[in-house]
Every structure is written in structure tokens, then in C-alpha cells.
Amino acid sequence: MSDEKRRVLEWLSPLTSRNRHQTVRNARADGVGDWLIDTDIFSAWSALEDRAAKPVLLCYGDPGVGKTFIT
């Protein structure tokens, strides 16, 4: 990657996703998101064999409700 391209990307998003992911991962409490994994909807979605047929599982909610910590 050229220096110019790297500078533009850093300007567009000064946050590094790897650092953000590690920060969230370290702050996450055990068991966060277990309720989601235990639902019938998630079980049916994750059991799909055909990756092309597997749609995106969209988790939405208000800001600050903890969506990031489920990942």
C-alpha cells in the first residue's frame, strides 16, 4: 500500500479496527450474547449448510445497548 493511500485511509478513519476489537473483547463480560446463541432463530441461521444461502444476521438496536459486545 502506498504511503498516500495509507494516509488517506487513516484520515478517513483514524480508529484502527484491530485496537477497537481488542478493547471491546477485553471489556466483555463472560456470557454476553449467550441469550442470542440460545434462540431458535440463531440456531436455524447457523445450521444452514449453503454459505450462499446464509443471509446476514442483522442485530440492530439503539446506541449503547451492547451490540458491539456480542461480537
PDB file of N, CA and C in Angstrom:
ATOM      1  N   MET A   1       0.856  -1.172   0.000  1.00  0.00           N
ATOM      2  CA  MET A   1       0.000   0.000   0.000  1.00  0.00           C
ATOM      3  C   MET A   1       0.904   1.236   0.000  1.00  0.00           C
ATOM      4  N   SER A   2       0.576   2.166  -0.850  1.00  0.00           N
ATOM      5  CA  SER A   2       1.379   3.382  -0.937  1.00  0.00           C
ATOM      6  C   SER A   2       1.172   4.243   0.309  1.00  0.00           C
ATOM      7  N   ASP A   3       2.155   5.085   0.582  1.00  0.00           N
ATOM      8  CA  ASP A   3       2.051   5.986   1.737  1.00  0.00           C
ATOM      9  C   ASP A   3       0.851   6.915   1.604  1.00  0.00           C
ATOM     10  N   GLU A   4       0.611   7.378   0.382  1.00  0.00           N
ATOM     11  CA  GLU A   4      -0.518   8.287   0.168  1.00  0.00           C
ATOM     12  C   GLU A   4      -1.843   7.587   0.467  1.00  0.00           C
ATOM     13  N   LYS A   5      -1.993   6.374  -0.011  1.00  0.00           N
ATOM     14  CA  LYS A   5      -3.227   5.623   0.236  1.00  0.00           C
ATOM     15  C   LYS A   5      -3.402   5.366   1.733  1.00  0.00           C
ATOM     16  N   ARG A   6      -2.328   5.011   2.420  1.00  0.00           N
ATOM     17  CA  ARG A   6      -2.393   4.764   3.860  1.00  0.00           C
ATOM     18  C   ARG A   6      -2.803   6.034   4.601  1.00  0.00           C
ATOM     19  N   ARG A   7      -2.237   7.182   4.219  1.00  0.00           N
ATOM     20  CA  ARG A   7      -2.584   8.452   4.868  1.00  0.00           C
ATOM     21  C   ARG A   7      -4.053   8.800   4.644  1.00  0.00           C
ATOM     22  N   VAL A   8      -4.546   8.576   3.428  1.00  0.00           N
ATOM     23  CA  VAL A   8      -5.960   8.852   3.138  1.00  0.00           C
ATOM     24  C   VAL A   8      -6.854   7.957   3.992  1.00  0.00           C
ATOM     25  N   LEU A   9      -6.512   6.670   4.072  1.00  0.00           N
ATOM     26  CA  LEU A   9      -7.313   5.749   4.880  1.00  0.00           C
ATOM     27  C   LEU A   9      -7.289   6.128   6.354  1.00  0.00           C
ATOM     28  N   GLU A  10      -6.139   6.538   6.857  1.00  0.00           N
ATOM     29  CA  GLU A  10      -6.047   6.976   8.249  1.00  0.00           C
ATOM     30  C   GLU A  10      -6.847   8.250   8.475  1.00  0.00           C
ATOM     31  N   TRP A  11      -6.865   9.134   7.482  1.00  0.00           N
ATOM     32  CA  TRP A  11      -7.636  10.359   7.585  1.00  0.00           C
ATOM     33  C   TRP A  11      -9.135  10.056   7.600  1.00  0.00           C
ATOM     34  N   LEU A  12      -9.562   9.109   6.764  1.00  0.00           N
ATOM     35  CA  LEU A  12     -10.973   8.740   6.711  1.00  0.00           C
ATOM     36  C   LEU A  12     -11.430   8.087   8.006  1.00  0.00           C
ATOM     37  N   SER A  13     -10.598   7.257   8.568  1.00  0.00           N
ATOM     38  CA  SER A  13     -10.946   6.555   9.799  1.00  0.00           C
ATOM     39  C   SER A  13      -9.700   6.434  10.666  1.00  0.00           C
ATOM     40  N   PRO A  14      -9.522   7.376  11.589  1.00  0.00           N
ATOM     41  CA  PRO A  14      -8.334   7.326  12.431  1.00  0.00           C
ATOM     42  C   PRO A  14      -8.347   6.161  13.419  1.00  0.00           C
ATOM     43  N   LEU A  15      -9.487   5.538  13.607  1.00  0.00           N
ATOM     44  CA  LEU A  15      -9.574   4.402  14.517  1.00  0.00           C
ATOM     45  C   LEU A  15      -9.064   3.148  13.828  1.00  0.00           C
ATOM     46  N   THR A  16      -8.325   2.356  14.528  1.00  0.00           N
ATOM     47  CA  THR A  16      -7.880   1.083  13.975  1.00  0.00           C
ATOM     48  C   THR A  16      -8.811   0.004  14.481  1.00  0.00           C
ATOM     49  N   SER A  17      -9.388  -0.738  13.575  1.00  0.00           N
ATOM     50  CA  SER A  17     -10.386  -1.734  13.963  1.00  0.00           C
ATOM     51  C   SER A  17      -9.790  -2.807  14.864  1.00  0.00           C
ATOM     52  N   ARG A  18      -8.554  -3.166  14.657  1.00  0.00           N
ATOM     53  CA  ARG A  18      -7.925  -4.193  15.497  1.00  0.00           C
ATOM     54  C   ARG A  18      -7.838  -3.729  16.949  1.00  0.00           C
ATOM     55  N   ASN A  19      -7.433  -2.478  17.156  1.00  0.00           N
ATOM     56  CA  ASN A  19      -7.359  -1.946  18.520  1.00  0.00           C
ATOM     57  C   ASN A  19      -8.739  -1.862  19.150  1.00  0.00           C
ATOM     58  N   ARG A  20      -9.719  -1.408  18.376  1.00  0.00           N
ATOM     59  CA  ARG A  20     -11.092  -1.300  18.890  1.00  0.00           C
ATOM     60  C   ARG A  20     -11.624  -2.678  19.255  1.00  0.00           C
ATOM     61  N   HIS A  21     -11.389  -3.664  18.399  1.00  0.00           N
ATOM     62  CA  HIS A  21     -11.852  -5.023  18.667  1.00  0.00           C
ATOM     63  C   HIS A  21     -11.227  -5.558  19.955  1.00  0.00           C
ATOM     64  N   GLN A  22      -9.941  -5.340  20.133  1.00  0.00           N
ATOM     65  CA  GLN A  22      -9.260  -5.831  21.331  1.00  0.00           C
ATOM     66  C   GLN A  22      -9.780  -5.133  22.582  1.00  0.00           C
ATOM     67  N   THR A  23     -10.050  -3.839  22.496  1.00  0.00           N
ATOM     68  CA  THR A  23     -10.595  -3.099  23.636  1.00  0.00           C
ATOM     69  C   THR A  23     -11.952  -3.656  24.035  1.00  0.00           C
ATOM     70  N   VAL A  24     -12.820  -3.877  23.056  1.00  0.00           N
ATOM     71  CA  VAL A  24     -14.148  -4.425  23.331  1.00  0.00           C
ATOM     72  C   VAL A  24     -14.029  -5.838  23.879  1.00  0.00           C
ATOM     73  N   ARG A  25     -13.179  -6.628  23.285  1.00  0.00           N
ATOM     74  CA  ARG A  25     -13.003  -8.015  23.726  1.00  0.00           C
ATOM     75  C   ARG A  25     -12.535  -8.080  25.181  1.00  0.00           C
ATOM     76  N   ASN A  26     -11.619  -7.208  25.547  1.00  0.00           N
ATOM     77  CA  ASN A  26     -11.121  -7.192  26.920  1.00  0.00           C
ATOM     78  C   ASN A  26     -12.173  -6.719  27.916  1.00  0.00           C
ATOM     79  N   ALA A  27     -13.094  -5.861  27.478  1.00  0.00           N
ATOM     80  CA  ALA A  27     -14.114  -5.314  28.369  1.00  0.00           C
ATOM     81  C   ALA A  27     -15.351  -6.194  28.478  1.00  0.00           C
ATOM     82  N   ARG A  28     -15.480  -7.173  27.600  1.00  0.00           N
ATOM     83  CA  ARG A  28     -16.683  -8.004  27.550  1.00  0.00           C
ATOM     84  C   ARG A  28     -16.735  -8.948  28.750  1.00  0.00           C
ATOM     85  N   ALA A  29     -17.904  -9.056  29.342  1.00  0.00           N
ATOM     86  CA  ALA A  29     -18.116  -9.979  30.458  1.00  0.00           C
ATOM     87  C   ALA A  29     -18.462 -11.362  29.912  1.00  0.00           C
ATOM     88  N   ASP A  30     -18.106 -12.394  30.650  1.00  0.00           N
ATOM     89  CA  ASP A  30     -18.448 -13.760  30.246  1.00  0.00           C
ATOM     90  C   ASP A  30     -19.957 -13.911  30.110  1.00  0.00           C
ATOM     91  N   GLY A  31     -20.368 -14.608  29.087  1.00  0.00           N
ATOM     92  CA  GLY A  31     -21.783 -14.902  28.894  1.00  0.00           C
ATOM     93  C   GLY A  31     -22.556 -13.864  28.106  1.00  0.00           C
ATOM     94  N   VAL A  32     -21.901 -12.745  27.756  1.00  0.00           N
ATOM     95  CA  VAL A  32     -22.593 -11.721  26.973  1.00  0.00           C
ATOM     96  C   VAL A  32     -22.948 -12.317  25.620  1.00  0.00           C
ATOM     97  N   GLY A  33     -24.185 -12.231  25.242  1.00  0.00           N
ATOM     98  CA  GLY A  33     -24.631 -12.743  23.953  1.00  0.00           C
ATOM     99  C   GLY A  33     -25.091 -14.183  23.970  1.00  0.00           C
ATOM    100  N   ASP A  34     -24.959 -14.863  25.111  1.00  0.00           N
ATOM    101  CA  ASP A  34     -25.416 -16.253  25.183  1.00  0.00           C
ATOM    102  C   ASP A  34     -26.906 -16.375  24.879  1.00  0.00           C
ATOM    103  N   TRP A  35     -27.669 -15.377  25.278  1.00  0.00           N
ATOM    104  CA  TRP A  35     -29.110 -15.405  25.037  1.00  0.00           C
ATOM    105  C   TRP A  35     -29.397 -15.482  23.542  1.00  0.00           C
ATOM    106  N   LEU A  36     -28.563 -14.814  22.739  1.00  0.00           N
ATOM    107  CA  LEU A  36     -28.761 -14.827  21.290  1.00  0.00           C
ATOM    108  C   LEU A  36     -28.468 -16.202  20.712  1.00  0.00           C
ATOM    109  N   ILE A  37     -27.387 -16.802  21.137  1.00  0.00           N
ATOM    110  CA  ILE A  37     -26.988 -18.120  20.637  1.00  0.00           C
ATOM    111  C   ILE A  37     -28.023 -19.179  20.992  1.00  0.00           C
ATOM    112  N   ASP A  38     -28.729 -18.983  22.083  1.00  0.00           N
ATOM    113  CA  ASP A  38     -29.719 -19.954  22.540  1.00  0.00           C
ATOM    114  C   ASP A  38     -31.081 -19.824  21.856  1.00  0.00           C
ATOM    115  N   THR A  39     -31.267 -18.831  20.983  1.00  0.00           N
ATOM    116  CA  THR A  39     -32.568 -18.657  20.333  1.00  0.00           C
ATOM    117  C   THR A  39     -32.726 -19.613  19.156  1.00  0.00           C
ATOM    118  N   ASP A  40     -33.970 -19.955  18.868  1.00  0.00           N
ATOM    119  CA  ASP A  40     -34.271 -20.823  17.723  1.00  0.00           C
ATOM    120  C   ASP A  40     -33.864 -20.166  16.404  1.00  0.00           C
ATOM    121  N   ILE A  41     -34.049 -18.863  16.317  1.00  0.00           N
ATOM    122  CA  ILE A  41     -33.716 -18.144  15.086  1.00  0.00           C
ATOM    123  C   ILE A  41     -32.221 -18.249  14.799  1.00  0.00           C
ATOM    124  N   PHE A  42     -31.391 -18.043  15.808  1.00  0.00           N
ATOM    125  CA  PHE A  42     -29.945 -18.142  15.608  1.00  0.00           C
ATOM    126  C   PHE A  42     -29.542 -19.570  15.264  1.00  0.00           C
ATOM    127  N   SER A  43     -30.123 -20.538  15.950  1.00  0.00           N
ATOM    128  CA  SER A  43     -29.797 -21.945  15.678  1.00  0.00           C
ATOM    129  C   SER A  43     -30.117 -22.316  14.237  1.00  0.00           C
ATOM    130  N   ALA A  44     -31.278 -21.879  13.747  1.00  0.00           N
ATOM    131  CA  ALA A  44     -31.669 -22.174  12.368  1.00  0.00           C
ATOM    132  C   ALA A  44     -30.719 -21.486  11.390  1.00  0.00           C
ATOM    133  N   TRP A  45     -30.366 -20.247  11.675  1.00  0.00           N
ATOM    134  CA  TRP A  45     -29.457 -19.499  10.808  1.00  0.00           C
ATOM    135  C   TRP A  45     -28.078 -20.153  10.766  1.00  0.00           C
ATOM    136  N   SER A  46     -27.542 -20.525  11.917  1.00  0.00           N
ATOM    137  CA  SER A  46     -26.187 -21.077  11.955  1.00  0.00           C
ATOM    138  C   SER A  46     -26.115 -22.499  11.410  1.00  0.00           C
ATOM    139  N   ALA A  47     -27.259 -23.191  11.338  1.00  0.00           N
ATOM    140  CA  ALA A  47     -27.279 -24.567  10.838  1.00  0.00           C
ATOM    141  C   ALA A  47     -27.318 -24.644   9.315  1.00  0.00           C
ATOM    142  N   LEU A  48     -27.525 -23.517   8.643  1.00  0.00           N
ATOM    143  CA  LEU A  48     -27.556 -23.523   7.183  1.00  0.00           C
ATOM    144  C   LEU A  48     -26.214 -23.986   6.644  1.00  0.00           C
ATOM    145  N   GLU A  49     -26.241 -24.974   5.766  1.00  0.00           N
ATOM    146  CA  GLU A  49     -25.011 -25.527   5.190  1.00  0.00           C
ATOM    147  C   GLU A  49     -24.501 -24.686   4.019  1.00  0.00           C
ATOM    148  N   ASP A  50     -25.415 -24.205   3.204  1.00  0.00           N
ATOM    149  CA  ASP A  50     -25.060 -23.472   1.992  1.00  0.00           C
ATOM    150  C   ASP A  50     -24.706 -22.026   2.340  1.00  0.00           C
ATOM    151  N   ARG A  51     -23.429 -21.680   2.256  1.00  0.00           N
ATOM    152  CA  ARG A  51     -22.979 -20.334   2.607  1.00  0.00           C
ATOM    153  C   ARG A  51     -23.639 -19.274   1.726  1.00  0.00           C
ATOM    154  N   ALA A  52     -23.893 -19.608   0.470  1.00  0.00           N
ATOM    155  CA  ALA A  52     -24.517 -18.640  -0.430  1.00  0.00           C
ATOM    156  C   ALA A  52     -25.945 -18.344  -0.007  1.00  0.00           C
ATOM    157  N   ALA A  53     -26.603 -19.325   0.610  1.00  0.00           N
ATOM    158  CA  ALA A  53     -27.986 -19.141   1.040  1.00  0.00           C
ATOM    159  C   ALA A  53     -28.064 -18.532   2.437  1.00  0.00           C
ATOM    160  N   LYS A  54     -26.945 -18.462   3.128  1.00  0.00           N
ATOM    161  CA  LYS A  54     -26.930 -17.947   4.501  1.00  0.00           C
ATOM    162  C   LYS A  54     -26.954 -16.418   4.466  1.00  0.00           C
ATOM    163  N   PRO A  55     -28.071 -15.837   4.827  1.00  0.00           N
ATOM    164  CA  PRO A  55     -28.147 -14.382   4.826  1.00  0.00           C
ATOM    165  C   PRO A  55     -27.374 -13.795   6.013  1.00  0.00           C
ATOM    166  N   VAL A  56     -27.179 -12.516   5.951  1.00  0.00           N
ATOM    167  CA  VAL A  56     -26.538 -11.808   7.055  1.00  0.00           C
ATOM    168  C   VAL A  56     -27.501 -11.796   8.235  1.00  0.00           C
ATOM    169  N   LEU A  57     -26.983 -12.038   9.408  1.00  0.00           N
ATOM    170  CA  LEU A  57     -27.789 -11.938  10.624  1.00  0.00           C
ATOM    171  C   LEU A  57     -27.617 -10.521  11.144  1.00  0.00           C
ATOM    172  N   LEU A  58     -28.655  -9.730  11.033  1.00  0.00           N
ATOM    173  CA  LEU A  58     -28.591  -8.326  11.414  1.00  0.00           C
ATOM    174  C   LEU A  58     -29.069  -8.160  12.846  1.00  0.00           C
ATOM    175  N   CYS A  59     -28.213  -7.607  13.668  1.00  0.00           N
ATOM    176  CA  CYS A  59     -28.577  -7.277  15.052  1.00  0.00           C
ATOM    177  C   CYS A  59     -28.629  -5.761  15.141  1.00  0.00           C
ATOM    178  N   TYR A  60     -29.782  -5.238  15.430  1.00  0.00           N
ATOM    179  CA  TYR A  60     -29.918  -3.792  15.484  1.00  0.00           C
ATOM    180  C   TYR A  60     -30.470  -3.374  16.839  1.00  0.00           C
ATOM    181  N   GLY A  61     -30.224  -2.142  17.190  1.00  0.00           N
ATOM    182  CA  GLY A  61     -30.716  -1.601  18.447  1.00  0.00           C
ATOM    183  C   GLY A  61     -30.223  -0.180  18.623  1.00  0.00           C
ATOM    184  N   ASP A  62     -30.723   0.451  19.642  1.00  0.00           N
ATOM    185  CA  ASP A  62     -30.334   1.823  19.934  1.00  0.00           C
ATOM    186  C   ASP A  62     -28.847   1.896  20.284  1.00  0.00           C
ATOM    187  N   PRO A  63     -28.243   3.056  20.111  1.00  0.00           N
ATOM    188  CA  PRO A  63     -26.844   3.216  20.502  1.00  0.00           C
ATOM    189  C   PRO A  63     -26.665   2.928  21.993  1.00  0.00           C
ATOM    190  N   GLY A  64     -25.610   2.215  22.306  1.00  0.00           N
ATOM    191  CA  GLY A  64     -25.277   1.969  23.702  1.00  0.00           C
ATOM    192  C   GLY A  64     -25.937   0.775  24.353  1.00  0.00           C
ATOM    193  N   VAL A  65     -26.673  -0.030  23.583  1.00  0.00           N
ATOM    194  CA  VAL A  65     -27.361  -1.174  24.195  1.00  0.00           C
ATOM    195  C   VAL A  65     -26.498  -2.433  24.248  1.00  0.00           C
ATOM    196  N   GLY A  66     -25.308  -2.412  23.630  1.00  0.00           N
ATOM    197  CA  GLY A  66     -24.390  -3.535  23.759  1.00  0.00           C
ATOM    198  C   GLY A  66     -24.194  -4.405  22.540  1.00  0.00           C
ATOM    199  N   LYS A  67     -24.616  -3.945  21.373  1.00  0.00           N
ATOM    200  CA  LYS A  67     -24.464  -4.753  20.156  1.00  0.00           C
ATOM    201  C   LYS A  67     -23.004  -5.109  19.898  1.00  0.00           C
ATOM    202  N   THR A  68     -22.119  -4.171  20.095  1.00  0.00           N
ATOM    203  CA  THR A  68     -20.698  -4.397  19.842  1.00  0.00           C
ATOM    204  C   THR A  68     -20.146  -5.503  20.727  1.00  0.00           C
ATOM    205  N   PHE A  69     -20.627  -5.612  21.927  1.00  0.00           N
ATOM    206  CA  PHE A  69     -20.095  -6.586  22.875  1.00  0.00           C
ATOM    207  C   PHE A  69     -20.555  -8.006  22.590  1.00  0.00           C
ATOM    208  N   ILE A  70     -21.523  -8.177  21.699  1.00  0.00           N
ATOM    209  CA  ILE A  70     -21.988  -9.523  21.341  1.00  0.00           C
ATOM    210  C   ILE A  70     -21.019 -10.181  20.371  1.00  0.00           C
ATOM    211  N   THR A  71     -20.297  -9.393  19.578  1.00  0.00           N
ATOM    212  CA  THR A  71     -19.414  -9.948  18.554  1.00  0.00           C
ATOM    213  C   THR A  71     -18.290 -10.772  19.111  1.00  0.00           C
TER     214      THR A  71
END
